[in-house]
Amino acid sequence: MFNKLRSKMVEQSCSTKELAQVLGISQSTLSRRFNGKHTFTIIEVGKCKERLALTDTEVSEIFFNVKVS
């Protein structure tokens, strides 16, 4: 589900440890987010967008499962 987010992390040289720190959560909590057991909060989505330089389209596709043409 979050493969595109992981790809952006690699592209932006952002480790899971760093992203967890940016979000203010533990790595295990971030792992649960990636596995779909917990959802990202809107504040976390904004922080991901900023750190990973995500476009609005990417945010929609990654976090809200909306395909934008």
Protein backbone atom coordinates (compact mmCIF):
# COMPACT_ATOMS: atom_id res chain seq x y z
CA MET A 1 0.00 0.00 0.00
CA PHE A 2 2.81 2.40 0.84
CA ASN A 3 5.34 1.24 -1.76
CA LYS A 4 5.31 4.66 -3.39
CA LEU A 5 6.05 6.28 -0.02
CA ARG A 6 8.97 3.92 0.50
CA SER A 7 10.22 4.77 -3.00
CA LYS A 8 10.07 8.48 -2.22
CA MET A 9 12.00 7.83 1.00
CA VAL A 10 14.77 6.15 -0.98
CA GLU A 11 14.72 8.95 -3.57
CA GLN A 12 15.02 11.60 -0.84
CA SER A 13 17.61 9.60 1.19
CA CYS A 14 15.28 9.35 4.17
CA SER A 15 15.54 6.31 6.44
CA THR A 16 12.64 4.92 8.43
CA LYS A 17 14.45 6.08 11.55
CA GLU A 18 14.63 9.66 10.24
CA LEU A 19 11.02 9.69 9.06
CA ALA A 20 9.85 8.37 12.42
CA GLN A 21 11.79 11.18 14.13
CA VAL A 22 10.30 13.78 11.78
CA LEU A 23 6.83 12.44 12.59
CA GLY A 24 7.53 12.25 16.31
CA ILE A 25 6.70 8.55 16.51
CA SER A 26 8.66 5.36 17.14
CA GLN A 27 9.97 3.20 14.32
CA SER A 28 7.61 0.42 15.39
CA THR A 29 4.64 2.80 15.13
CA LEU A 30 5.83 3.85 11.67
CA SER A 31 6.06 0.18 10.72
CA ARG A 32 2.44 -0.31 11.82
CA ARG A 33 1.45 2.67 9.66
CA PHE A 34 3.20 1.08 6.65
CA ASN A 35 1.48 -2.23 7.32
CA GLY A 36 -1.94 -0.58 7.45
CA LYS A 37 -2.56 -1.43 11.10
CA HIS A 38 -2.74 2.28 11.98
CA THR A 39 -3.44 5.27 9.79
CA PHE A 40 -1.34 8.38 9.36
CA THR A 41 -2.76 11.50 10.97
CA ILE A 42 -3.28 14.57 8.82
CA ILE A 43 -0.39 16.26 10.63
CA GLU A 44 1.86 13.28 9.86
CA VAL A 45 0.79 13.40 6.21
CA GLY A 46 1.80 17.09 6.11
CA LYS A 47 5.17 16.32 7.67
CA CYS A 48 5.76 13.49 5.18
CA LYS A 49 4.80 15.83 2.33
CA GLU A 50 7.29 18.42 3.50
CA ARG A 51 10.21 16.09 4.27
CA LEU A 52 9.81 13.96 1.14
CA ALA A 53 8.87 16.82 -1.21
CA LEU A 54 5.63 15.08 -2.18
CA THR A 55 3.30 16.68 -4.67
CA ASP A 56 -0.41 17.03 -3.92
CA THR A 57 -1.04 14.23 -6.42
CA GLU A 58 1.42 11.94 -4.65
CA VAL A 59 -0.18 12.70 -1.28
CA SER A 60 -3.62 11.83 -2.70
CA GLU A 61 -2.38 8.59 -4.21
CA ILE A 62 -0.28 7.47 -1.22
CA PHE A 63 -2.41 8.42 1.74
CA PHE A 64 -5.93 8.68 0.38
CA ASN A 65 -5.82 5.98 -2.32
CA VAL A 66 -7.06 8.44 -4.91
CA LYS A 67 -5.73 8.07 -8.45
CA VAL A 68 -5.30 11.47 -10.06
CA SER A 69 -5.06 11.53 -13.85
